[in-house]
Amino acid sequence: MCLAVPMKVAKIEGDFAVVELGRVRQRANIQMLNNLKIGDYILIHAGFGIQKVDKKEADKTREFLIKIGRE
């Protein structure tokens, strides 16, 4: 099973972006995505941005991950 985590784009540096989830920041390859802007939400899997998602969907997924992390 694979897990992709929704993260917010904080900075764009060519083919890479700095993405964040809470206090976690990491660099991710964004070559597979077009027309990204700072503030967009993307799914990150194994260091790659694989899909753009809207904020509502990202929030819902993050809430679920927090919930299962507490169980």
PDB file of N, CA and C in Angstrom:
ATOM      1  N   MET A   1       0.840  -1.166   0.000  1.00  0.00           N
ATOM      2  CA  MET A   1       0.000   0.000   0.000  1.00  0.00           C
ATOM      3  C   MET A   1       0.894   1.242   0.000  1.00  0.00           C
ATOM      4  N   CYS A   2       0.486   2.253  -0.720  1.00  0.00           N
ATOM      5  CA  CYS A   2       1.229   3.504  -0.805  1.00  0.00           C
ATOM      6  C   CYS A   2       0.445   4.607  -0.110  1.00  0.00           C
ATOM      7  N   LEU A   3       1.154   5.597   0.362  1.00  0.00           N
ATOM      8  CA  LEU A   3       0.527   6.729   1.024  1.00  0.00           C
ATOM      9  C   LEU A   3       1.077   8.006   0.422  1.00  0.00           C
ATOM     10  N   ALA A   4       0.181   8.866  -0.004  1.00  0.00           N
ATOM     11  CA  ALA A   4       0.552  10.195  -0.479  1.00  0.00           C
ATOM     12  C   ALA A   4      -0.018  11.192   0.518  1.00  0.00           C
ATOM     13  N   VAL A   5       0.780  12.184   0.859  1.00  0.00           N
ATOM     14  CA  VAL A   5       0.397  13.151   1.878  1.00  0.00           C
ATOM     15  C   VAL A   5       0.176  14.517   1.233  1.00  0.00           C
ATOM     16  N   PRO A   6      -0.961  15.171   1.533  1.00  0.00           N
ATOM     17  CA  PRO A   6      -1.191  16.511   0.973  1.00  0.00           C
ATOM     18  C   PRO A   6      -0.340  17.543   1.711  1.00  0.00           C
ATOM     19  N   MET A   7       0.413  18.326   0.943  1.00  0.00           N
ATOM     20  CA  MET A   7       1.274  19.351   1.519  1.00  0.00           C
ATOM     21  C   MET A   7       1.094  20.653   0.743  1.00  0.00           C
ATOM     22  N   LYS A   8       1.328  21.751   1.427  1.00  0.00           N
ATOM     23  CA  LYS A   8       1.164  23.081   0.841  1.00  0.00           C
ATOM     24  C   LYS A   8       2.483  23.554   0.232  1.00  0.00           C
ATOM     25  N   VAL A   9       2.415  24.125  -0.956  1.00  0.00           N
ATOM     26  CA  VAL A   9       3.604  24.652  -1.632  1.00  0.00           C
ATOM     27  C   VAL A   9       3.989  25.979  -0.976  1.00  0.00           C
ATOM     28  N   ALA A  10       5.203  26.026  -0.404  1.00  0.00           N
ATOM     29  CA  ALA A  10       5.682  27.231   0.259  1.00  0.00           C
ATOM     30  C   ALA A  10       6.638  28.035  -0.627  1.00  0.00           C
ATOM     31  N   LYS A  11       7.363  27.341  -1.509  1.00  0.00           N
ATOM     32  CA  LYS A  11       8.363  27.996  -2.354  1.00  0.00           C
ATOM     33  C   LYS A  11       8.587  27.128  -3.579  1.00  0.00           C
ATOM     34  N   ILE A  12       8.792  27.751  -4.722  1.00  0.00           N
ATOM     35  CA  ILE A  12       9.067  27.016  -5.960  1.00  0.00           C
ATOM     36  C   ILE A  12      10.470  27.383  -6.428  1.00  0.00           C
ATOM     37  N   GLU A  13      11.268  26.333  -6.707  1.00  0.00           N
ATOM     38  CA  GLU A  13      12.658  26.496  -7.142  1.00  0.00           C
ATOM     39  C   GLU A  13      12.886  25.642  -8.379  1.00  0.00           C
ATOM     40  N   GLY A  14      12.480  26.112  -9.541  1.00  0.00           N
ATOM     41  CA  GLY A  14      12.635  25.345 -10.772  1.00  0.00           C
ATOM     42  C   GLY A  14      11.771  24.105 -10.761  1.00  0.00           C
ATOM     43  N   ASP A  15      12.403  22.926 -10.858  1.00  0.00           N
ATOM     44  CA  ASP A  15      11.680  21.652 -10.869  1.00  0.00           C
ATOM     45  C   ASP A  15      11.377  21.126  -9.469  1.00  0.00           C
ATOM     46  N   PHE A  16      11.660  21.928  -8.448  1.00  0.00           N
ATOM     47  CA  PHE A  16      11.445  21.510  -7.066  1.00  0.00           C
ATOM     48  C   PHE A  16      10.614  22.556  -6.329  1.00  0.00           C
ATOM     49  N   ALA A  17       9.964  22.095  -5.274  1.00  0.00           N
ATOM     50  CA  ALA A  17       9.220  22.999  -4.403  1.00  0.00           C
ATOM     51  C   ALA A  17       9.537  22.647  -2.963  1.00  0.00           C
ATOM     52  N   VAL A  18       9.502  23.652  -2.118  1.00  0.00           N
ATOM     53  CA  VAL A  18       9.530  23.419  -0.681  1.00  0.00           C
ATOM     54  C   VAL A  18       8.058  23.323  -0.281  1.00  0.00           C
ATOM     55  N   VAL A  19       7.709  22.183   0.320  1.00  0.00           N
ATOM     56  CA  VAL A  19       6.323  21.941   0.716  1.00  0.00           C
ATOM     57  C   VAL A  19       6.267  21.762   2.225  1.00  0.00           C
ATOM     58  N   GLU A  20       5.091  22.042   2.795  1.00  0.00           N
ATOM     59  CA  GLU A  20       4.984  21.961   4.242  1.00  0.00           C
ATOM     60  C   GLU A  20       3.669  21.345   4.683  1.00  0.00           C
ATOM     61  N   LEU A  21       3.766  20.710   5.829  1.00  0.00           N
ATOM     62  CA  LEU A  21       2.595  20.137   6.505  1.00  0.00           C
ATOM     63  C   LEU A  21       2.832  20.386   7.988  1.00  0.00           C
ATOM     64  N   GLY A  22       2.124  21.364   8.538  1.00  0.00           N
ATOM     65  CA  GLY A  22       2.398  21.756   9.922  1.00  0.00           C
ATOM     66  C   GLY A  22       3.796  22.323  10.017  1.00  0.00           C
ATOM     67  N   ARG A  23       4.603  21.759  10.915  1.00  0.00           N
ATOM     68  CA  ARG A  23       5.986  22.228  11.081  1.00  0.00           C
ATOM     69  C   ARG A  23       6.975  21.457  10.215  1.00  0.00           C
ATOM     70  N   VAL A  24       6.491  20.477   9.461  1.00  0.00           N
ATOM     71  CA  VAL A  24       7.363  19.672   8.595  1.00  0.00           C
ATOM     72  C   VAL A  24       7.511  20.363   7.247  1.00  0.00           C
ATOM     73  N   ARG A  25       8.754  20.577   6.850  1.00  0.00           N
ATOM     74  CA  ARG A  25       9.057  21.151   5.530  1.00  0.00           C
ATOM     75  C   ARG A  25      10.000  20.203   4.816  1.00  0.00           C
ATOM     76  N   GLN A  26       9.780  20.041   3.509  1.00  0.00           N
ATOM     77  CA  GLN A  26      10.685  19.201   2.727  1.00  0.00           C
ATOM     78  C   GLN A  26      10.724  19.702   1.292  1.00  0.00           C
ATOM     79  N   ARG A  27      11.719  19.249   0.574  1.00  0.00           N
ATOM     80  CA  ARG A  27      11.883  19.587  -0.835  1.00  0.00           C
ATOM     81  C   ARG A  27      11.302  18.443  -1.655  1.00  0.00           C
ATOM     82  N   ALA A  28      10.504  18.771  -2.660  1.00  0.00           N
ATOM     83  CA  ALA A  28       9.864  17.741  -3.489  1.00  0.00           C
ATOM     84  C   ALA A  28      10.023  18.084  -4.964  1.00  0.00           C
ATOM     85  N   ASN A  29      10.186  17.049  -5.767  1.00  0.00           N
ATOM     86  CA  ASN A  29      10.255  17.203  -7.212  1.00  0.00           C
ATOM     87  C   ASN A  29       8.844  17.459  -7.738  1.00  0.00           C
ATOM     88  N   ILE A  30       8.680  18.493  -8.562  1.00  0.00           N
ATOM     89  CA  ILE A  30       7.345  18.846  -9.079  1.00  0.00           C
ATOM     90  C   ILE A  30       7.285  18.785 -10.607  1.00  0.00           C
ATOM     91  N   GLN A  31       8.199  18.048 -11.232  1.00  0.00           N
ATOM     92  CA  GLN A  31       8.240  17.973 -12.690  1.00  0.00           C
ATOM     93  C   GLN A  31       6.966  17.402 -13.306  1.00  0.00           C
ATOM     94  N   MET A  32       6.221  16.579 -12.574  1.00  0.00           N
ATOM     95  CA  MET A  32       5.006  15.966 -13.128  1.00  0.00           C
ATOM     96  C   MET A  32       3.789  16.885 -13.050  1.00  0.00           C
ATOM     97  N   LEU A  33       3.944  18.064 -12.459  1.00  0.00           N
ATOM     98  CA  LEU A  33       2.804  18.967 -12.252  1.00  0.00           C
ATOM     99  C   LEU A  33       2.994  20.261 -13.026  1.00  0.00           C
ATOM    100  N   ASN A  34       1.899  20.795 -13.516  1.00  0.00           N
ATOM    101  CA  ASN A  34       1.934  22.044 -14.276  1.00  0.00           C
ATOM    102  C   ASN A  34       1.210  23.156 -13.523  1.00  0.00           C
ATOM    103  N   ASN A  35       1.625  24.376 -13.796  1.00  0.00           N
ATOM    104  CA  ASN A  35       0.936  25.576 -13.320  1.00  0.00           C
ATOM    105  C   ASN A  35       0.777  25.639 -11.808  1.00  0.00           C
ATOM    106  N   LEU A  36       1.804  25.252 -11.074  1.00  0.00           N
ATOM    107  CA  LEU A  36       1.741  25.348  -9.611  1.00  0.00           C
ATOM    108  C   LEU A  36       2.033  26.767  -9.164  1.00  0.00           C
ATOM    109  N   LYS A  37       1.387  27.144  -8.064  1.00  0.00           N
ATOM    110  CA  LYS A  37       1.623  28.440  -7.450  1.00  0.00           C
ATOM    111  C   LYS A  37       1.873  28.229  -5.961  1.00  0.00           C
ATOM    112  N   ILE A  38       2.542  29.180  -5.358  1.00  0.00           N
ATOM    113  CA  ILE A  38       2.712  29.149  -3.908  1.00  0.00           C
ATOM    114  C   ILE A  38       1.328  29.186  -3.277  1.00  0.00           C
ATOM    115  N   GLY A  39       1.113  28.305  -2.305  1.00  0.00           N
ATOM    116  CA  GLY A  39      -0.188  28.207  -1.646  1.00  0.00           C
ATOM    117  C   GLY A  39      -1.031  27.049  -2.149  1.00  0.00           C
ATOM    118  N   ASP A  40      -0.661  26.470  -3.304  1.00  0.00           N
ATOM    119  CA  ASP A  40      -1.377  25.295  -3.812  1.00  0.00           C
ATOM    120  C   ASP A  40      -1.099  24.094  -2.917  1.00  0.00           C
ATOM    121  N   TYR A  41      -2.008  23.132  -2.951  1.00  0.00           N
ATOM    122  CA  TYR A  41      -1.830  21.873  -2.219  1.00  0.00           C
ATOM    123  C   TYR A  41      -1.578  20.760  -3.216  1.00  0.00           C
ATOM    124  N   ILE A  42      -0.572  19.924  -2.908  1.00  0.00           N
ATOM    125  CA  ILE A  42      -0.240  18.804  -3.793  1.00  0.00           C
ATOM    126  C   ILE A  42      -0.031  17.544  -2.956  1.00  0.00           C
ATOM    127  N   LEU A  43      -0.275  16.413  -3.579  1.00  0.00           N
ATOM    128  CA  LEU A  43      -0.001  15.138  -2.933  1.00  0.00           C
ATOM    129  C   LEU A  43       1.464  14.797  -3.149  1.00  0.00           C
ATOM    130  N   ILE A  44       2.153  14.449  -2.061  1.00  0.00           N
ATOM    131  CA  ILE A  44       3.564  14.093  -2.109  1.00  0.00           C
ATOM    132  C   ILE A  44       3.693  12.604  -1.823  1.00  0.00           C
ATOM    133  N   HIS A  45       4.401  11.908  -2.705  1.00  0.00           N
ATOM    134  CA  HIS A  45       4.690  10.489  -2.507  1.00  0.00           C
ATOM    135  C   HIS A  45       6.146  10.250  -2.875  1.00  0.00           C
ATOM    136  N   ALA A  46       6.908   9.741  -1.917  1.00  0.00           N
ATOM    137  CA  ALA A  46       8.321   9.405  -2.134  1.00  0.00           C
ATOM    138  C   ALA A  46       9.123  10.582  -2.697  1.00  0.00           C
ATOM    139  N   GLY A  47       8.802  11.795  -2.212  1.00  0.00           N
ATOM    140  CA  GLY A  47       9.552  12.975  -2.621  1.00  0.00           C
ATOM    141  C   GLY A  47       9.111  13.610  -3.926  1.00  0.00           C
ATOM    142  N   PHE A  48       8.013  13.123  -4.501  1.00  0.00           N
ATOM    143  CA  PHE A  48       7.500  13.661  -5.758  1.00  0.00           C
ATOM    144  C   PHE A  48       6.091  14.194  -5.576  1.00  0.00           C
ATOM    145  N   GLY A  49       5.824  15.335  -6.188  1.00  0.00           N
ATOM    146  CA  GLY A  49       4.459  15.843  -6.270  1.00  0.00           C
ATOM    147  C   GLY A  49       3.751  15.066  -7.371  1.00  0.00           C
ATOM    148  N   ILE A  50       2.646  14.415  -7.023  1.00  0.00           N
ATOM    149  CA  ILE A  50       1.984  13.551  -8.011  1.00  0.00           C
ATOM    150  C   ILE A  50       0.617  14.056  -8.456  1.00  0.00           C
ATOM    151  N   GLN A  51       0.015  14.968  -7.691  1.00  0.00           N
ATOM    152  CA  GLN A  51      -1.310  15.461  -8.072  1.00  0.00           C
ATOM    153  C   GLN A  51      -1.619  16.734  -7.293  1.00  0.00           C
ATOM    154  N   LYS A  52      -2.247  17.680  -7.962  1.00  0.00           N
ATOM    155  CA  LYS A  52      -2.718  18.887  -7.307  1.00  0.00           C
ATOM    156  C   LYS A  52      -4.089  18.586  -6.703  1.00  0.00           C
ATOM    157  N   VAL A  53      -4.341  19.073  -5.477  1.00  0.00           N
ATOM    158  CA  VAL A  53      -5.636  18.870  -4.824  1.00  0.00           C
ATOM    159  C   VAL A  53      -6.127  20.204  -4.280  1.00  0.00           C
ATOM    160  N   ASP A  54      -7.451  20.317  -4.113  1.00  0.00           N
ATOM    161  CA  ASP A  54      -7.963  21.562  -3.546  1.00  0.00           C
ATOM    162  C   ASP A  54      -7.817  21.547  -2.028  1.00  0.00           C
ATOM    163  N   LYS A  55      -7.894  22.722  -1.425  1.00  0.00           N
ATOM    164  CA  LYS A  55      -7.662  22.861   0.011  1.00  0.00           C
ATOM    165  C   LYS A  55      -8.649  22.033   0.826  1.00  0.00           C
ATOM    166  N   LYS A  56      -9.897  21.990   0.411  1.00  0.00           N
ATOM    167  CA  LYS A  56     -10.917  21.230   1.147  1.00  0.00           C
ATOM    168  C   LYS A  56     -10.544  19.744   1.211  1.00  0.00           C
ATOM    169  N   GLU A  57     -10.128  19.184   0.087  1.00  0.00           N
ATOM    170  CA  GLU A  57      -9.729  17.772   0.047  1.00  0.00           C
ATOM    171  C   GLU A  57      -8.460  17.543   0.872  1.00  0.00           C
ATOM    172  N   ALA A  58      -7.504  18.472   0.782  1.00  0.00           N
ATOM    173  CA  ALA A  58      -6.269  18.357   1.564  1.00  0.00           C
ATOM    174  C   ALA A  58      -6.584  18.383   3.057  1.00  0.00           C
ATOM    175  N   ASP A  59      -7.452  19.293   3.486  1.00  0.00           N
ATOM    176  CA  ASP A  59      -7.825  19.379   4.903  1.00  0.00           C
ATOM    177  C   ASP A  59      -8.495  18.091   5.372  1.00  0.00           C
ATOM    178  N   LYS A  60      -9.373  17.546   4.565  1.00  0.00           N
ATOM    179  CA  LYS A  60     -10.075  16.318   4.925  1.00  0.00           C
ATOM    180  C   LYS A  60      -9.080  15.157   5.096  1.00  0.00           C
ATOM    181  N   THR A  61      -8.131  15.055   4.189  1.00  0.00           N
ATOM    182  CA  THR A  61      -7.139  13.982   4.270  1.00  0.00           C
ATOM    183  C   THR A  61      -6.238  14.164   5.480  1.00  0.00           C
ATOM    184  N   ARG A  62      -5.784  15.396   5.733  1.00  0.00           N
ATOM    185  CA  ARG A  62      -4.935  15.651   6.896  1.00  0.00           C
ATOM    186  C   ARG A  62      -5.661  15.331   8.196  1.00  0.00           C
ATOM    187  N   GLU A  63      -6.937  15.681   8.304  1.00  0.00           N
ATOM    188  CA  GLU A  63      -7.725  15.360   9.497  1.00  0.00           C
ATOM    189  C   GLU A  63      -7.796  13.847   9.707  1.00  0.00           C
ATOM    190  N   PHE A  64      -7.968  13.099   8.627  1.00  0.00           N
ATOM    191  CA  PHE A  64      -8.011  11.642   8.717  1.00  0.00           C
ATOM    192  C   PHE A  64      -6.677  11.084   9.202  1.00  0.00           C
ATOM    193  N   LEU A  65      -5.574  11.590   8.655  1.00  0.00           N
ATOM    194  CA  LEU A  65      -4.250  11.112   9.065  1.00  0.00           C
ATOM    195  C   LEU A  65      -3.992  11.405  10.540  1.00  0.00           C
ATOM    196  N   ILE A  66      -4.417  12.576  11.000  1.00  0.00           N
ATOM    197  CA  ILE A  66      -4.267  12.901  12.421  1.00  0.00           C
ATOM    198  C   ILE A  66      -5.086  11.941  13.279  1.00  0.00           C
ATOM    199  N   LYS A  67      -6.288  11.671  12.840  1.00  0.00           N
ATOM    200  CA  LYS A  67      -7.178  10.773  13.593  1.00  0.00           C
ATOM    201  C   LYS A  67      -6.572   9.366  13.715  1.00  0.00           C
ATOM    202  N   ILE A  68      -6.106   8.806  12.623  1.00  0.00           N
ATOM    203  CA  ILE A  68      -5.569   7.445  12.700  1.00  0.00           C
ATOM    204  C   ILE A  68      -4.246   7.401  13.441  1.00  0.00           C
ATOM    205  N   GLY A  69      -3.527   8.525  13.475  1.00  0.00           N
ATOM    206  CA  GLY A  69      -2.277   8.595  14.222  1.00  0.00           C
ATOM    207  C   GLY A  69      -2.494   8.557  15.731  1.00  0.00           C
ATOM    208  N   ARG A  70      -3.689   8.906  16.154  1.00  0.00           N
ATOM    209  CA  ARG A  70      -4.003   8.934  17.593  1.00  0.00           C
ATOM    210  C   ARG A  70      -4.571   7.608  18.061  1.00  0.00           C
ATOM    211  N   GLU A  71      -4.965   6.745  17.161  1.00  0.00           N
ATOM    212  CA  GLU A  71      -5.595   5.468  17.547  1.00  0.00           C
ATOM    213  C   GLU A  71      -4.569   4.388  17.765  1.00  0.00           C
TER     214      GLU A  71
END
